[in-house]
C-alpha atoms as a PDB file:
ATOM      1  CA  UNK A   1      15.200   8.750   2.063  1.00  0.00           C
ATOM      2  CA  UNK A   2      14.749   6.055  -0.498  1.00  0.00           C
ATOM      3  CA  UNK A   3      11.703   4.954  -2.267  1.00  0.00           C
ATOM      4  CA  UNK A   4       9.677   1.842  -1.070  1.00  0.00           C
ATOM      5  CA  UNK A   5      10.168   0.160  -4.387  1.00  0.00           C
ATOM      6  CA  UNK A   6      14.090   0.716  -3.872  1.00  0.00           C
ATOM      7  CA  UNK A   7      13.863  -0.707  -0.412  1.00  0.00           C
ATOM      8  CA  UNK A   8      11.840  -3.941  -1.855  1.00  0.00           C
ATOM      9  CA  UNK A   9      14.332  -4.494  -4.608  1.00  0.00           C
ATOM     10  CA  UNK A  10      17.333  -4.173  -2.347  1.00  0.00           C
ATOM     11  CA  UNK A  11      15.732  -6.676   0.111  1.00  0.00           C
ATOM     12  CA  UNK A  12      14.916  -8.908  -2.652  1.00  0.00           C
ATOM     13  CA  UNK A  13      18.604  -8.744  -4.033  1.00  0.00           C
ATOM     14  CA  UNK A  14      19.771  -9.794  -0.544  1.00  0.00           C
ATOM     15  CA  UNK A  15      17.423 -12.577  -0.083  1.00  0.00           C
ATOM     16  CA  UNK A  16      17.538 -14.009  -3.871  1.00  0.00           C
ATOM     17  CA  UNK A  17      21.504 -14.145  -3.466  1.00  0.00           C
ATOM     18  CA  UNK A  18      20.819 -16.840  -0.776  1.00  0.00           C
ATOM     19  CA  UNK A  19      17.725 -18.518  -2.390  1.00  0.00           C
ATOM     20  CA  UNK A  20      17.627 -19.225  -6.055  1.00  0.00           C
ATOM     21  CA  UNK A  21      14.083 -20.126  -6.152  1.00  0.00           C
ATOM     22  CA  UNK A  22      13.374 -16.154  -5.672  1.00  0.00           C
ATOM     23  CA  UNK A  23      12.661 -14.605  -8.955  1.00  0.00           C
ATOM     24  CA  UNK A  24      11.835 -11.205 -10.084  1.00  0.00           C
ATOM     25  CA  UNK A  25       9.764 -10.666 -13.232  1.00  0.00           C
ATOM     26  CA  UNK A  26       8.971  -7.266 -14.873  1.00  0.00           C
ATOM     27  CA  UNK A  27       6.911  -5.666 -17.812  1.00  0.00           C
ATOM     28  CA  UNK A  28       9.414  -3.434 -19.403  1.00  0.00           C
ATOM     29  CA  UNK A  29       9.864  -1.628 -15.943  1.00  0.00           C
ATOM     30  CA  UNK A  30      13.065  -2.461 -14.438  1.00  0.00           C
ATOM     31  CA  UNK A  31      14.110   1.183 -14.455  1.00  0.00           C
ATOM     32  CA  UNK A  32      10.896   2.542 -12.764  1.00  0.00           C
ATOM     33  CA  UNK A  33      10.526  -0.285 -10.529  1.00  0.00           C
ATOM     34  CA  UNK A  34      14.321   0.119  -9.184  1.00  0.00           C
ATOM     35  CA  UNK A  35      14.952  -3.413 -10.411  1.00  0.00           C
ATOM     36  CA  UNK A  36      17.882  -2.775 -12.646  1.00  0.00           C
ATOM     37  CA  UNK A  37      20.519  -3.533  -9.930  1.00  0.00           C
ATOM     38  CA  UNK A  38      18.894  -6.750  -9.252  1.00  0.00           C
ATOM     39  CA  UNK A  39      18.791  -7.724 -12.943  1.00  0.00           C
ATOM     40  CA  UNK A  40      22.472  -6.843 -13.214  1.00  0.00           C
ATOM     41  CA  UNK A  41      23.629  -8.761 -10.391  1.00  0.00           C
ATOM     42  CA  UNK A  42      21.541 -12.017 -10.702  1.00  0.00           C
ATOM     43  CA  UNK A  43      20.343 -11.973 -14.384  1.00  0.00           C
ATOM     44  CA  UNK A  44      19.540 -15.780 -13.903  1.00  0.00           C
ATOM     45  CA  UNK A  45      16.813 -14.825 -11.529  1.00  0.00           C
ATOM     46  CA  UNK A  46      15.397 -12.042 -13.408  1.00  0.00           C
ATOM     47  CA  UNK A  47      12.702 -12.291 -16.283  1.00  0.00           C
ATOM     48  CA  UNK A  48      11.772  -9.544 -18.578  1.00  0.00           C
ATOM     49  CA  UNK A  49       8.251 -10.155 -20.281  1.00  0.00           C
ATOM     50  CA  UNK A  50       7.974  -6.644 -22.020  1.00  0.00           C
ATOM     51  CA  UNK A  51       4.692  -4.737 -21.937  1.00  0.00           C
ATOM     52  CA  UNK A  52       2.636  -7.689 -21.341  1.00  0.00           C
ATOM     53  CA  UNK A  53       0.922  -7.545 -17.971  1.00  0.00           C
ATOM     54  CA  UNK A  54      -1.381 -10.685 -18.481  1.00  0.00           C
ATOM     55  CA  UNK A  55       1.655 -12.792 -19.721  1.00  0.00           C
ATOM     56  CA  UNK A  56       3.643 -11.248 -16.840  1.00  0.00           C
ATOM     57  CA  UNK A  57       1.183 -12.698 -14.186  1.00  0.00           C
ATOM     58  CA  UNK A  58       0.540 -15.936 -15.996  1.00  0.00           C
ATOM     59  CA  UNK A  59       4.236 -16.812 -16.445  1.00  0.00           C
ATOM     60  CA  UNK A  60       4.846 -15.856 -12.592  1.00  0.00           C
ATOM     61  CA  UNK A  61       1.849 -18.508 -11.680  1.00  0.00           C
ATOM     62  CA  UNK A  62       3.440 -21.033 -13.812  1.00  0.00           C
ATOM     63  CA  UNK A  63       6.909 -20.595 -12.141  1.00  0.00           C
ATOM     64  CA  UNK A  64       5.187 -20.786  -8.672  1.00  0.00           C
ATOM     65  CA  UNK A  65       3.482 -24.194  -9.598  1.00  0.00           C
ATOM     66  CA  UNK A  66       6.965 -25.456  -9.952  1.00  0.00           C
ATOM     67  CA  UNK A  67       8.215 -24.312  -6.837  1.00  0.00           C
ATOM     68  CA  UNK A  68       9.644 -21.044  -7.517  1.00  0.00           C
ATOM     69  CA  UNK A  69       8.939 -17.900  -5.683  1.00  0.00           C
ATOM     70  CA  UNK A  70       8.347 -15.253  -8.046  1.00  0.00           C
ATOM     71  CA  UNK A  71       7.756 -11.583  -7.344  1.00  0.00           C
ATOM     72  CA  UNK A  72       6.093  -9.531 -10.148  1.00  0.00           C
ATOM     73  CA  UNK A  73       6.999  -5.667 -10.415  1.00  0.00           C
ATOM     74  CA  UNK A  74       4.754  -3.404 -12.696  1.00  0.00           C
ATOM     75  CA  UNK A  75       2.998  -0.384 -12.626  1.00  0.00           C
ATOM     76  CA  UNK A  76       0.071  -0.698 -10.310  1.00  0.00           C
ATOM     77  CA  UNK A  77      -2.148   0.882 -12.741  1.00  0.00           C
ATOM     78  CA  UNK A  78      -1.574  -1.668 -15.251  1.00  0.00           C
ATOM     79  CA  UNK A  79      -1.140  -4.664 -12.791  1.00  0.00           C
ATOM     80  CA  UNK A  80      -4.603  -4.132 -11.444  1.00  0.00           C
ATOM     81  CA  UNK A  81      -6.517  -3.689 -14.480  1.00  0.00           C
ATOM     82  CA  UNK A  82      -4.983  -5.298 -17.729  1.00  0.00           C
ATOM     83  CA  UNK A  83      -4.295  -8.653 -15.781  1.00  0.00           C
ATOM     84  CA  UNK A  84      -6.911  -8.747 -13.504  1.00  0.00           C
ATOM     85  CA  UNK A  85      -8.391 -11.778 -14.813  1.00  0.00           C
ATOM     86  CA  UNK A  86      -4.931 -13.637 -14.492  1.00  0.00           C
ATOM     87  CA  UNK A  87      -4.567 -12.591 -11.201  1.00  0.00           C
ATOM     88  CA  UNK A  88      -8.296 -13.962 -10.355  1.00  0.00           C
ATOM     89  CA  UNK A  89      -7.942 -17.306 -12.195  1.00  0.00           C
ATOM     90  CA  UNK A  90      -4.091 -17.996 -12.303  1.00  0.00           C
ATOM     91  CA  UNK A  91      -2.916 -16.741  -8.668  1.00  0.00           C
ATOM     92  CA  UNK A  92      -6.236 -16.495  -6.597  1.00  0.00           C
ATOM     93  CA  UNK A  93      -8.240 -19.492  -7.708  1.00  0.00           C
ATOM     94  CA  UNK A  94      -5.094 -21.419  -7.890  1.00  0.00           C
ATOM     95  CA  UNK A  95      -3.598 -20.447  -4.577  1.00  0.00           C
ATOM     96  CA  UNK A  96      -0.356 -19.739  -6.266  1.00  0.00           C
ATOM     97  CA  UNK A  97       2.604 -18.326  -4.291  1.00  0.00           C
ATOM     98  CA  UNK A  98       3.083 -15.142  -6.349  1.00  0.00           C
ATOM     99  CA  UNK A  99       3.981 -11.709  -4.935  1.00  0.00           C
ATOM    100  CA  UNK A 100       2.412  -8.889  -7.063  1.00  0.00           C
ATOM    101  CA  UNK A 101       4.353  -5.593  -6.371  1.00  0.00           C
ATOM    102  CA  UNK A 102       2.405  -2.670  -7.789  1.00  0.00           C
ATOM    103  CA  UNK A 103       4.881   0.247  -8.144  1.00  0.00           C
ATOM    104  CA  UNK A 104       4.140   3.971  -8.657  1.00  0.00           C
ATOM    105  CA  UNK A 105       0.624   3.600  -6.971  1.00  0.00           C
ATOM    106  CA  UNK A 106      -1.889   6.330  -6.211  1.00  0.00           C
ATOM    107  CA  UNK A 107      -1.217   9.534  -8.108  1.00  0.00           C
ATOM    108  CA  UNK A 108       2.629   9.366  -8.083  1.00  0.00           C
ATOM    109  CA  UNK A 109       3.019   9.306 -11.787  1.00  0.00           C
ATOM    110  CA  UNK A 110       1.654  12.866 -11.415  1.00  0.00           C
ATOM    111  CA  UNK A 111       1.274  14.882 -15.090  1.00  0.00           C
ATOM    112  CA  UNK A 112       0.822  11.384 -16.934  1.00  0.00           C
ATOM    113  CA  UNK A 113      -2.694  11.597 -15.547  1.00  0.00           C
ATOM    114  CA  UNK A 114      -5.659   9.097 -15.242  1.00  0.00           C
ATOM    115  CA  UNK A 115      -4.181   6.558 -17.649  1.00  0.00           C
ATOM    116  CA  UNK A 116      -1.414   5.996 -15.051  1.00  0.00           C
ATOM    117  CA  UNK A 117      -3.014   6.770 -11.726  1.00  0.00           C
ATOM    118  CA  UNK A 118      -3.603   3.648  -9.670  1.00  0.00           C
ATOM    119  CA  UNK A 119      -6.573   4.893  -7.380  1.00  0.00           C
ATOM    120  CA  UNK A 120      -8.766   1.892  -8.077  1.00  0.00           C
ATOM    121  CA  UNK A 121      -6.428  -0.863  -7.376  1.00  0.00           C
ATOM    122  CA  UNK A 122      -7.396  -1.692  -3.868  1.00  0.00           C
ATOM    123  CA  UNK A 123     -11.037  -1.895  -4.827  1.00  0.00           C
ATOM    124  CA  UNK A 124     -10.246  -3.983  -7.922  1.00  0.00           C
ATOM    125  CA  UNK A 125      -7.839  -6.485  -6.363  1.00  0.00           C
ATOM    126  CA  UNK A 126      -9.230  -6.470  -2.699  1.00  0.00           C
ATOM    127  CA  UNK A 127     -12.351  -8.547  -3.911  1.00  0.00           C
ATOM    128  CA  UNK A 128     -10.325 -11.476  -5.059  1.00  0.00           C
ATOM    129  CA  UNK A 129     -10.501 -14.772  -2.810  1.00  0.00           C
ATOM    130  CA  UNK A 130      -7.205 -15.159  -0.685  1.00  0.00           C
ATOM    131  CA  UNK A 131      -5.164 -12.155  -2.072  1.00  0.00           C
ATOM    132  CA  UNK A 132      -3.725 -10.326   0.802  1.00  0.00           C
ATOM    133  CA  UNK A 133      -3.418  -6.512   0.152  1.00  0.00           C
ATOM    134  CA  UNK A 134      -0.667  -4.420   1.663  1.00  0.00           C
ATOM    135  CA  UNK A 135       0.492  -0.546   1.680  1.00  0.00           C
ATOM    136  CA  UNK A 136       3.760  -0.039   3.622  1.00  0.00           C
ATOM    137  CA  UNK A 137       4.356   3.427   4.790  1.00  0.00           C
ATOM    138  CA  UNK A 138       8.165   3.774   4.416  1.00  0.00           C
ATOM    139  CA  UNK A 139      11.296   1.957   3.316  1.00  0.00           C
ATOM    140  CA  UNK A 140      11.786   0.303   6.605  1.00  0.00           C
ATOM    141  CA  UNK A 141       8.249  -1.069   6.704  1.00  0.00           C
ATOM    142  CA  UNK A 142       8.708  -2.142   2.997  1.00  0.00           C
ATOM    143  CA  UNK A 143      12.007  -4.066   4.090  1.00  0.00           C
ATOM    144  CA  UNK A 144      10.078  -5.824   6.904  1.00  0.00           C
ATOM    145  CA  UNK A 145       7.206  -6.787   4.574  1.00  0.00           C
ATOM    146  CA  UNK A 146       9.362  -8.149   1.782  1.00  0.00           C
ATOM    147  CA  UNK A 147      11.296 -10.368   4.241  1.00  0.00           C
ATOM    148  CA  UNK A 148       7.880 -11.625   5.369  1.00  0.00           C
ATOM    149  CA  UNK A 149       6.665 -12.178   2.088  1.00  0.00           C
ATOM    150  CA  UNK A 150       9.603 -14.012   0.678  1.00  0.00           C
ATOM    151  CA  UNK A 151       9.133 -16.621   3.643  1.00  0.00           C
ATOM    152  CA  UNK A 152       5.437 -17.539   3.194  1.00  0.00           C
ATOM    153  CA  UNK A 153       3.608 -19.225   0.441  1.00  0.00           C
ATOM    154  CA  UNK A 154       0.495 -17.097   0.041  1.00  0.00           C
ATOM    155  CA  UNK A 155      -0.239 -14.702  -2.808  1.00  0.00           C
ATOM    156  CA  UNK A 156      -0.267 -11.013  -1.936  1.00  0.00           C
ATOM    157  CA  UNK A 157      -0.598  -7.761  -3.548  1.00  0.00           C
ATOM    158  CA  UNK A 158       1.684  -4.708  -2.384  1.00  0.00           C
ATOM    159  CA  UNK A 159       1.186  -1.212  -3.567  1.00  0.00           C
ATOM    160  CA  UNK A 160       3.913   1.292  -3.248  1.00  0.00           C
ATOM    161  CA  UNK A 161       4.508   4.966  -4.566  1.00  0.00           C
ATOM    162  CA  UNK A 162       7.034   6.364  -7.042  1.00  0.00           C
ATOM    163  CA  UNK A 163       8.891   8.589  -5.013  1.00  0.00           C
ATOM    164  CA  UNK A 164      11.016   8.498  -1.854  1.00  0.00           C
ATOM    165  CA  UNK A 165       8.784   8.196   1.265  1.00  0.00           C
ATOM    166  CA  UNK A 166       9.607  10.544   4.461  1.00  0.00           C
ATOM    167  CA  UNK A 167      10.881   8.218   7.312  1.00  0.00           C
ATOM    168  CA  UNK A 168       8.054   6.833   9.610  1.00  0.00           C
ATOM    169  CA  UNK A 169       9.888   4.303  11.451  1.00  0.00           C
ATOM    170  CA  UNK A 170      13.551   4.062  12.463  1.00  0.00           C
ATOM    171  CA  UNK A 171      15.959   1.155  11.274  1.00  0.00           C
ATOM    172  CA  UNK A 172      14.539  -1.980  12.821  1.00  0.00           C
ATOM    173  CA  UNK A 173      11.503  -0.077  14.127  1.00  0.00           C
ATOM    174  CA  UNK A 174       8.729  -1.548  11.833  1.00  0.00           C
ATOM    175  CA  UNK A 175       7.520  -5.100  12.374  1.00  0.00           C
ATOM    176  CA  UNK A 176       5.098  -6.217   9.706  1.00  0.00           C
ATOM    177  CA  UNK A 177       5.164  -9.892  10.681  1.00  0.00           C
ATOM    178  CA  UNK A 178       1.732  -9.859  11.497  1.00  0.00           C
ATOM    179  CA  UNK A 179      -1.389  -8.286   9.828  1.00  0.00           C
ATOM    180  CA  UNK A 180      -1.979  -5.987  12.800  1.00  0.00           C
ATOM    181  CA  UNK A 181      -2.179  -2.085  12.557  1.00  0.00           C
ATOM    182  CA  UNK A 182       0.931  -0.226  13.871  1.00  0.00           C
ATOM    183  CA  UNK A 183       0.214   2.334  16.465  1.00  0.00           C
ATOM    184  CA  UNK A 184       2.248   5.377  15.009  1.00  0.00           C
ATOM    185  CA  UNK A 185       1.345   7.868  17.451  1.00  0.00           C
ATOM    186  CA  UNK A 186      -0.833   7.263  20.600  1.00  0.00           C
ATOM    187  CA  UNK A 187      -4.046   9.475  21.491  1.00  0.00           C
ATOM    188  CA  UNK A 188      -7.303   9.386  23.040  1.00  0.00           C
ATOM    189  CA  UNK A 189      -9.392  12.175  21.575  1.00  0.00           C
ATOM    190  CA  UNK A 190      -9.520  11.076  17.963  1.00  0.00           C
ATOM    191  CA  UNK A 191      -8.210   8.310  15.671  1.00  0.00           C
ATOM    192  CA  UNK A 192      -6.624   8.571  12.125  1.00  0.00           C
ATOM    193  CA  UNK A 193      -6.273   5.368  10.174  1.00  0.00           C
ATOM    194  CA  UNK A 194      -3.763   5.914   7.271  1.00  0.00           C
ATOM    195  CA  UNK A 195      -1.929   3.717   4.912  1.00  0.00           C
ATOM    196  CA  UNK A 196       0.776   3.833   2.465  1.00  0.00           C
ATOM    197  CA  UNK A 197       2.040   7.463   1.698  1.00  0.00           C
ATOM    198  CA  UNK A 198      -0.565   8.939   3.969  1.00  0.00           C
ATOM    199  CA  UNK A 199       1.017   7.535   7.099  1.00  0.00           C
ATOM    200  CA  UNK A 200       3.545  10.289   7.211  1.00  0.00           C
ATOM    201  CA  UNK A 201       1.235  13.196   6.907  1.00  0.00           C
ATOM    202  CA  UNK A 202      -0.965  11.610   9.239  1.00  0.00           C
ATOM    203  CA  UNK A 203       1.721  11.507  11.858  1.00  0.00           C
ATOM    204  CA  UNK A 204       2.693  15.146  11.211  1.00  0.00           C
ATOM    205  CA  UNK A 205      -1.072  15.840  11.675  1.00  0.00           C
ATOM    206  CA  UNK A 206      -1.068  14.250  15.033  1.00  0.00           C
ATOM    207  CA  UNK A 207       2.085  16.226  16.201  1.00  0.00           C
ATOM    208  CA  UNK A 208       0.378  19.475  14.909  1.00  0.00           C
ATOM    209  CA  UNK A 209      -2.903  18.605  16.754  1.00  0.00           C
ATOM    210  CA  UNK A 210      -0.958  17.912  19.997  1.00  0.00           C
ATOM    211  CA  UNK A 211       0.056  21.581  20.006  1.00  0.00           C
ATOM    212  CA  UNK A 212      -3.573  22.561  19.805  1.00  0.00           C
ATOM    213  CA  UNK A 213      -4.436  20.321  22.885  1.00  0.00           C
ATOM    214  CA  UNK A 214      -5.876  17.364  20.794  1.00  0.00           C
ATOM    215  CA  UNK A 215      -4.498  13.932  21.340  1.00  0.00           C
ATOM    216  CA  UNK A 216      -4.454  12.014  17.997  1.00  0.00           C
ATOM    217  CA  UNK A 217      -3.853   8.373  17.643  1.00  0.00           C
ATOM    218  CA  UNK A 218      -2.390   7.353  14.471  1.00  0.00           C
ATOM    219  CA  UNK A 219      -3.018   3.721  13.249  1.00  0.00           C
ATOM    220  CA  UNK A 220      -0.895   2.685  10.302  1.00  0.00           C
ATOM    221  CA  UNK A 221      -3.059   0.215   8.617  1.00  0.00           C
ATOM    222  CA  UNK A 222      -0.649  -1.205   6.061  1.00  0.00           C
ATOM    223  CA  UNK A 223      -2.620  -4.507   5.945  1.00  0.00           C
ATOM    224  CA  UNK A 224      -5.696  -3.377   3.997  1.00  0.00           C
ATOM    225  CA  UNK A 225      -6.884  -7.035   3.694  1.00  0.00           C
ATOM    226  CA  UNK A 226      -7.327  -8.652   6.067  1.00  0.00           C
ATOM    227  CA  UNK A 227      -8.159  -5.657   7.732  1.00  0.00           C
ATOM    228  CA  UNK A 228      -7.340  -5.263  11.735  1.00  0.00           C
ATOM    229  CA  UNK A 229     -10.938  -5.200  12.666  1.00  0.00           C
ATOM    230  CA  UNK A 230      -9.855  -5.356  16.328  1.00  0.00           C
ATOM    231  CA  UNK A 231      -7.810  -2.302  16.072  1.00  0.00           C
ATOM    232  CA  UNK A 232     -10.706  -0.426  14.427  1.00  0.00           C
ATOM    233  CA  UNK A 233     -13.196  -1.387  17.272  1.00  0.00           C
ATOM    234  CA  UNK A 234     -10.582  -0.384  19.914  1.00  0.00           C
ATOM    235  CA  UNK A 235     -10.311   2.960  18.233  1.00  0.00           C
ATOM    236  CA  UNK A 236     -13.953   3.343  17.950  1.00  0.00           C
ATOM    237  CA  UNK A 237     -14.296   2.585  21.822  1.00  0.00           C
ATOM    238  CA  UNK A 238     -11.236   4.369  23.012  1.00  0.00           C
ATOM    239  CA  UNK A 239     -11.733   7.917  20.979  1.00  0.00           C
ATOM    240  CA  UNK A 240     -14.392  10.067  19.943  1.00  0.00           C
ATOM    241  CA  UNK A 241     -14.420   9.352  16.416  1.00  0.00           C
ATOM    242  CA  UNK A 242     -12.065   8.102  13.436  1.00  0.00           C
ATOM    243  CA  UNK A 243     -10.721   9.690  10.138  1.00  0.00           C
ATOM    244  CA  UNK A 244      -9.354   7.321   7.340  1.00  0.00           C
ATOM    245  CA  UNK A 245      -7.137   8.779   4.676  1.00  0.00           C
ATOM    246  CA  UNK A 246      -5.884   7.142   1.622  1.00  0.00           C
ATOM    247  CA  UNK A 247      -4.356   7.884  -1.699  1.00  0.00           C
ATOM    248  CA  UNK A 248      -7.230   5.913  -3.517  1.00  0.00           C
ATOM    249  CA  UNK A 249     -10.748   6.448  -4.574  1.00  0.00           C
ATOM    250  CA  UNK A 250     -13.099   7.223  -1.806  1.00  0.00           C
ATOM    251  CA  UNK A 251     -15.191   4.143  -2.871  1.00  0.00           C
ATOM    252  CA  UNK A 252     -14.195   0.758  -1.839  1.00  0.00           C
ATOM    253  CA  UNK A 253     -10.762   1.284  -0.179  1.00  0.00           C
ATOM    254  CA  UNK A 254      -9.572   1.692   3.390  1.00  0.00           C
ATOM    255  CA  UNK A 255     -12.179   4.249   4.397  1.00  0.00           C
ATOM    256  CA  UNK A 256     -14.954   2.009   3.045  1.00  0.00           C
ATOM    257  CA  UNK A 257     -13.743  -1.408   4.799  1.00  0.00           C
ATOM    258  CA  UNK A 258     -13.451   0.706   8.080  1.00  0.00           C
ATOM    259  CA  UNK A 259     -17.046   2.211   7.445  1.00  0.00           C
ATOM    260  CA  UNK A 260     -18.170  -1.517   6.984  1.00  0.00           C
ATOM    261  CA  UNK A 261     -16.695  -2.486  10.338  1.00  0.00           C
ATOM    262  CA  UNK A 262     -18.228   0.697  12.037  1.00  0.00           C
ATOM    263  CA  UNK A 263     -21.775   0.104  10.826  1.00  0.00           C
ATOM    264  CA  UNK A 264     -24.496   0.357  13.209  1.00  0.00           C
ATOM    265  CA  UNK A 265     -22.192   1.709  15.901  1.00  0.00           C
ATOM    266  CA  UNK A 266     -22.910   5.191  15.650  1.00  0.00           C
ATOM    267  CA  UNK A 267     -19.070   6.102  15.974  1.00  0.00           C
ATOM    268  CA  UNK A 268     -18.392   9.330  13.679  1.00  0.00           C
ATOM    269  CA  UNK A 269     -16.463   8.685  10.703  1.00  0.00           C
ATOM    270  CA  UNK A 270     -14.744  11.171   8.491  1.00  0.00           C
ATOM    271  CA  UNK A 271     -13.255   9.497   5.053  1.00  0.00           C
ATOM    272  CA  UNK A 272     -10.604  11.357   2.922  1.00  0.00           C
ATOM    273  CA  UNK A 273      -9.720  10.130  -0.289  1.00  0.00           C
ATOM    274  CA  UNK A 274      -9.804  11.017  -4.138  1.00  0.00           C
ATOM    275  CA  UNK A 275     -13.209  11.952  -5.647  1.00  0.00           C
ATOM    276  CA  UNK A 276     -15.529   9.923  -7.884  1.00  0.00           C
ATOM    277  CA  UNK A 277     -14.288  12.057 -10.826  1.00  0.00           C
ATOM    278  CA  UNK A 278     -11.267  12.582 -13.006  1.00  0.00           C
ATOM    279  CA  UNK A 279      -8.454  13.742 -10.947  1.00  0.00           C
ATOM    280  CA  UNK A 280      -6.579  17.213 -11.435  1.00  0.00           C
ATOM    281  CA  UNK A 281      -3.465  16.785 -13.380  1.00  0.00           C
ATOM    282  CA  UNK A 282      -0.388  17.854 -11.521  1.00  0.00           C
ATOM    283  CA  UNK A 283       2.649  16.617  -9.667  1.00  0.00           C
ATOM    284  CA  UNK A 284       1.967  14.045  -6.991  1.00  0.00           C
ATOM    285  CA  UNK A 285       2.058  16.497  -4.014  1.00  0.00           C
ATOM    286  CA  UNK A 286       0.011  18.937  -5.803  1.00  0.00           C
ATOM    287  CA  UNK A 287      -2.564  16.728  -6.593  1.00  0.00           C
ATOM    288  CA  UNK A 288      -2.769  15.435  -2.966  1.00  0.00           C
ATOM    289  CA  UNK A 289      -2.612  19.038  -1.533  1.00  0.00           C
ATOM    290  CA  UNK A 290      -5.461  19.805  -4.062  1.00  0.00           C
ATOM    291  CA  UNK A 291      -7.626  17.206  -2.366  1.00  0.00           C
ATOM    292  CA  UNK A 292      -6.489  17.975   1.230  1.00  0.00           C
ATOM    293  CA  UNK A 293      -4.627  14.733   1.438  1.00  0.00           C
ATOM    294  CA  UNK A 294      -1.754  16.472   3.530  1.00  0.00           C
ATOM    295  CA  UNK A 295      -1.079  17.112   7.032  1.00  0.00           C
ATOM    296  CA  UNK A 296      -3.016  20.351   7.153  1.00  0.00           C
ATOM    297  CA  UNK A 297      -6.188  18.633   5.539  1.00  0.00           C
ATOM    298  CA  UNK A 298      -5.876  15.719   7.892  1.00  0.00           C
ATOM    299  CA  UNK A 299      -5.584  17.896  11.070  1.00  0.00           C
ATOM    300  CA  UNK A 300      -8.436  20.068  10.114  1.00  0.00           C
ATOM    301  CA  UNK A 301     -10.680  16.816   9.613  1.00  0.00           C
ATOM    302  CA  UNK A 302      -9.782  15.510  12.875  1.00  0.00           C
ATOM    303  CA  UNK A 303     -10.121  18.705  14.560  1.00  0.00           C
ATOM    304  CA  UNK A 304     -13.637  19.334  12.922  1.00  0.00           C
ATOM    305  CA  UNK A 305     -14.816  15.875  14.038  1.00  0.00           C
ATOM    306  CA  UNK A 306     -13.580  16.266  17.557  1.00  0.00           C
ATOM    307  CA  UNK A 307     -15.738  19.665  17.676  1.00  0.00           C
ATOM    308  CA  UNK A 308     -18.759  17.864  16.356  1.00  0.00           C
END
C-alpha cells in the first residue's frame, strides 16, 4: 500500500516530465506531501513558498493566468482556512486553473489534535462557486484523478489523508474521468455512500453484512461536488435506505448533501461522521474507532437501518 498523496506526486512527476507547464507549489510541506522526489527531479518546476498559505494560493493563481498548470500541495487544515479568501477571489471568482491538493485531511494528523484536523474543509470550500471537490479512495483512484485534473482547465480541491490507504481498486480498475459515483459493491437491501478513506471500511462492512444475509450496496462518492444526484436517487429507489459515512464533521459534508437530495422523499437516512464538538485526541484509527467510523460501525448502522 502507498498513500494517496504519494500516488498523486508520483503521477505528477510522470506528467510534468513531459509537460513543463505543470508546476508543484508547497508551503514548507514537501516532505509531508511526498513531493521531495518531484522537487529533486524537476527543481525548475517546483516552487517552495514557505508557511504562507495565502501567498501560496495567490502565486498559483498568477501562474495559472500566465498559462501554467499549477498544483498546490499543503495541509488540508490550513489550505482550507488560512487561504480561503484567496481561494474564493483569486481562484474561484477568476476561474483560475489551479488544482488544490489538501494533504493529511480528516484526523490523519492524529495526536496533533484539533489545530491540525481538517474536518471542516468540505463544508468551507464546497460552497465556493465553480470549485470541484474530490476525495479519492485509494492510490489507484488518486492516480486516475490526477491524470484527469492535469488535462483539464478547471479549478478543483482534492482532499487526501496522510497514511497509506487500503487498496479498493486493482491497477487500472478506477476510472475517475467522469463525476459519477463508483459502484464498489452491488446490493439491493441497503446502500452505504462513502468517500475518501471511508470507502475501504464501507466495502469491508458490505462483505461482513453479506455473511449475515444483508445485501449492501457501496457507492464511492469520490466527487463531493458536483454530487452524483442520479446515483443517490437510484439508490433511494432500489434499496430500503441509505447510510452516509465521512471523515468530516456531520454538518455540511457528504451526509448533508445526500440529505438535501433526499429531502421530501421519505427515504430513511443515517449519517455517520464526526460530532459538532472537539474531537478526541489519538491516532487516526483510534479516533475513527471511537466514533464508529470503521467497518463494524458502518455495518451496525446499515443493519439497524434495514431492521427499521
